Amino acid sequence: MGMNMQKMMRQMQKMQADLEKVQAELGEMTVEGTAGGGVITAIVTGHQDVKEIKIQPDAVDPEDVEMLEDLILAAVNDGLRKSRELSASELEKVTGKVNLQGLPPGLF
């Protein structure tokens, strides 16, 4: 049983190193959330940081600021959703379908 435990510990250490690498890479990856047919774009990293908001000039109507606010919110939320999907997809490449919840804190 000692050998199996050592093998399992090595696999866990490798998985942890791989997860740390993926986490670092996610900070460099970006996705685009859009709204209004692309008139608003939110660039979001794999860490769910909003890096940039792009607004097409024709989206700006001084008479309807509320519409612009709604479009920006929709684009940011779309970007955050895509960022979470990217993160889950990238992490799953390392963990497979392993459920990491319930493991002792600090392992991952």
C-alpha atoms as a PDB file:
ATOM      1  CA  MET A   1       0.000   0.000   0.000  1.00  0.00           C
ATOM      2  CA  GLY A   2       2.984   2.323   0.580  1.00  0.00           C
ATOM      3  CA  MET A   3       3.930   2.291  -3.108  1.00  0.00           C
ATOM      4  CA  ASN A   4       0.383   3.101  -4.171  1.00  0.00           C
ATOM      5  CA  MET A   5       0.314   6.016  -1.737  1.00  0.00           C
ATOM      6  CA  GLN A   6       3.632   7.343  -3.080  1.00  0.00           C
ATOM      7  CA  LYS A   7       2.386   7.012  -6.651  1.00  0.00           C
ATOM      8  CA  MET A   8      -0.818   8.804  -5.736  1.00  0.00           C
ATOM      9  CA  MET A   9       1.124  11.605  -4.032  1.00  0.00           C
ATOM     10  CA  ARG A  10       3.347  12.036  -7.129  1.00  0.00           C
ATOM     11  CA  GLN A  11       0.241  12.206  -9.322  1.00  0.00           C
ATOM     12  CA  MET A  12      -1.303  14.786  -7.000  1.00  0.00           C
ATOM     13  CA  GLN A  13       1.892  16.885  -7.057  1.00  0.00           C
ATOM     14  CA  LYS A  14       1.977  16.746 -10.868  1.00  0.00           C
ATOM     15  CA  MET A  15      -1.692  17.717 -11.063  1.00  0.00           C
ATOM     16  CA  GLN A  16      -1.092  20.618  -8.684  1.00  0.00           C
ATOM     17  CA  ALA A  17       1.857  21.847 -10.797  1.00  0.00           C
ATOM     18  CA  ASP A  18      -0.247  21.507 -13.957  1.00  0.00           C
ATOM     19  CA  LEU A  19      -3.100  23.417 -12.324  1.00  0.00           C
ATOM     20  CA  GLU A  20      -0.767  26.234 -11.315  1.00  0.00           C
ATOM     21  CA  LYS A  21       0.499  26.431 -14.907  1.00  0.00           C
ATOM     22  CA  VAL A  22      -3.050  26.563 -16.283  1.00  0.00           C
ATOM     23  CA  GLN A  23      -4.005  29.254 -13.756  1.00  0.00           C
ATOM     24  CA  ALA A  24      -1.070  31.384 -14.928  1.00  0.00           C
ATOM     25  CA  GLU A  25      -2.005  30.831 -18.579  1.00  0.00           C
ATOM     26  CA  LEU A  26      -5.637  31.778 -17.910  1.00  0.00           C
ATOM     27  CA  GLY A  27      -4.455  35.208 -16.800  1.00  0.00           C
ATOM     28  CA  GLU A  28      -3.078  35.744 -20.301  1.00  0.00           C
ATOM     29  CA  MET A  29      -6.077  34.311 -22.196  1.00  0.00           C
ATOM     30  CA  THR A  30      -8.974  36.558 -23.156  1.00  0.00           C
ATOM     31  CA  VAL A  31     -12.519  36.166 -24.403  1.00  0.00           C
ATOM     32  CA  GLU A  32     -14.884  38.704 -25.914  1.00  0.00           C
ATOM     33  CA  GLY A  33     -18.373  39.317 -24.635  1.00  0.00           C
ATOM     34  CA  THR A  34     -20.641  41.286 -26.927  1.00  0.00           C
ATOM     35  CA  ALA A  35     -24.030  42.957 -26.894  1.00  0.00           C
ATOM     36  CA  GLY A  36     -26.195  44.870 -29.308  1.00  0.00           C
ATOM     37  CA  GLY A  37     -24.998  42.889 -32.300  1.00  0.00           C
ATOM     38  CA  GLY A  38     -21.385  43.723 -31.522  1.00  0.00           C
ATOM     39  CA  VAL A  39     -21.711  47.453 -30.854  1.00  0.00           C
ATOM     40  CA  ILE A  40     -20.390  46.822 -27.333  1.00  0.00           C
ATOM     41  CA  THR A  41     -17.488  44.443 -26.663  1.00  0.00           C
ATOM     42  CA  ALA A  42     -16.014  43.496 -23.298  1.00  0.00           C
ATOM     43  CA  ILE A  43     -12.578  41.852 -23.235  1.00  0.00           C
ATOM     44  CA  VAL A  44     -12.245  39.571 -20.193  1.00  0.00           C
ATOM     45  CA  THR A  45      -9.296  37.448 -19.028  1.00  0.00           C
ATOM     46  CA  GLY A  46      -9.502  33.840 -17.918  1.00  0.00           C
ATOM     47  CA  HIS A  47      -9.280  35.213 -14.357  1.00  0.00           C
ATOM     48  CA  GLN A  48     -12.528  37.148 -14.951  1.00  0.00           C
ATOM     49  CA  ASP A  49     -10.805  40.536 -15.023  1.00  0.00           C
ATOM     50  CA  VAL A  50     -12.457  42.986 -17.431  1.00  0.00           C
ATOM     51  CA  LYS A  51      -9.535  44.386 -19.420  1.00  0.00           C
ATOM     52  CA  GLU A  52     -11.244  46.541 -22.000  1.00  0.00           C
ATOM     53  CA  ILE A  53     -14.625  47.865 -23.100  1.00  0.00           C
ATOM     54  CA  LYS A  54     -15.106  48.823 -26.748  1.00  0.00           C
ATOM     55  CA  ILE A  55     -18.066  50.967 -27.772  1.00  0.00           C
ATOM     56  CA  GLN A  56     -18.963  51.612 -31.391  1.00  0.00           C
ATOM     57  CA  PRO A  57     -19.833  55.301 -31.910  1.00  0.00           C
ATOM     58  CA  ASP A  58     -23.323  54.505 -33.208  1.00  0.00           C
ATOM     59  CA  ALA A  59     -24.145  52.884 -29.832  1.00  0.00           C
ATOM     60  CA  VAL A  60     -23.866  56.273 -28.123  1.00  0.00           C
ATOM     61  CA  ASP A  61     -27.158  58.155 -28.016  1.00  0.00           C
ATOM     62  CA  PRO A  62     -27.111  61.033 -25.516  1.00  0.00           C
ATOM     63  CA  GLU A  63     -30.906  60.791 -25.387  1.00  0.00           C
ATOM     64  CA  ASP A  64     -30.789  57.125 -24.290  1.00  0.00           C
ATOM     65  CA  VAL A  65     -27.918  56.625 -21.847  1.00  0.00           C
ATOM     66  CA  GLU A  66     -29.869  53.854 -20.109  1.00  0.00           C
ATOM     67  CA  MET A  67     -29.737  51.706 -23.266  1.00  0.00           C
ATOM     68  CA  LEU A  68     -25.952  52.138 -23.438  1.00  0.00           C
ATOM     69  CA  GLU A  69     -25.653  51.149 -19.767  1.00  0.00           C
ATOM     70  CA  ASP A  70     -27.763  48.032 -20.396  1.00  0.00           C
ATOM     71  CA  LEU A  71     -25.656  47.064 -23.410  1.00  0.00           C
ATOM     72  CA  ILE A  72     -22.430  47.472 -21.433  1.00  0.00           C
ATOM     73  CA  LEU A  73     -23.783  45.304 -18.613  1.00  0.00           C
ATOM     74  CA  ALA A  74     -24.894  42.653 -21.101  1.00  0.00           C
ATOM     75  CA  ALA A  75     -21.489  42.617 -22.821  1.00  0.00           C
ATOM     76  CA  VAL A  76     -19.607  42.381 -19.512  1.00  0.00           C
ATOM     77  CA  ASN A  77     -21.856  39.587 -18.268  1.00  0.00           C
ATOM     78  CA  ASP A  78     -21.420  37.735 -21.571  1.00  0.00           C
ATOM     79  CA  GLY A  79     -17.648  38.113 -21.272  1.00  0.00           C
ATOM     80  CA  LEU A  80     -17.642  36.888 -17.672  1.00  0.00           C
ATOM     81  CA  ARG A  81     -19.752  33.867 -18.629  1.00  0.00           C
ATOM     82  CA  LYS A  82     -17.380  33.015 -21.472  1.00  0.00           C
ATOM     83  CA  SER A  83     -14.415  33.501 -19.133  1.00  0.00           C
ATOM     84  CA  ARG A  84     -15.872  31.029 -16.627  1.00  0.00           C
ATOM     85  CA  GLU A  85     -16.461  28.532 -19.450  1.00  0.00           C
ATOM     86  CA  LEU A  86     -12.875  28.983 -20.662  1.00  0.00           C
ATOM     87  CA  SER A  87     -11.526  28.499 -17.156  1.00  0.00           C
ATOM     88  CA  ALA A  88     -13.598  25.355 -16.570  1.00  0.00           C
ATOM     89  CA  SER A  89     -12.560  23.941 -19.936  1.00  0.00           C
ATOM     90  CA  GLU A  90      -8.845  24.607 -19.368  1.00  0.00           C
ATOM     91  CA  LEU A  91      -8.912  23.220 -15.817  1.00  0.00           C
ATOM     92  CA  GLU A  92     -10.782  20.129 -16.975  1.00  0.00           C
ATOM     93  CA  LYS A  93      -7.895  19.367 -19.333  1.00  0.00           C
ATOM     94  CA  VAL A  94      -5.753  18.863 -16.219  1.00  0.00           C
ATOM     95  CA  THR A  95      -8.247  17.348 -13.814  1.00  0.00           C
ATOM     96  CA  GLY A  96     -10.396  15.353 -16.218  1.00  0.00           C
ATOM     97  CA  LYS A  97     -13.797  14.929 -14.670  1.00  0.00           C
ATOM     98  CA  VAL A  98     -12.347  14.718 -11.153  1.00  0.00           C
ATOM     99  CA  ASN A  99     -14.474  16.566  -8.634  1.00  0.00           C
ATOM    100  CA  LEU A 100     -11.964  18.642  -6.655  1.00  0.00           C
ATOM    101  CA  GLN A 101     -14.567  19.922  -4.232  1.00  0.00           C
ATOM    102  CA  GLY A 102     -14.449  18.193  -0.911  1.00  0.00           C
ATOM    103  CA  LEU A 103     -10.680  17.744  -0.984  1.00  0.00           C
ATOM    104  CA  PRO A 104      -8.751  19.185   1.952  1.00  0.00           C
ATOM    105  CA  PRO A 105      -7.986  22.920   1.605  1.00  0.00           C
ATOM    106  CA  GLY A 106      -4.587  23.725   0.193  1.00  0.00           C
ATOM    107  CA  LEU A 107      -4.324  20.716  -2.086  1.00  0.00           C
ATOM    108  CA  PHE A 108      -5.435  22.779  -5.072  1.00  0.00           C
END
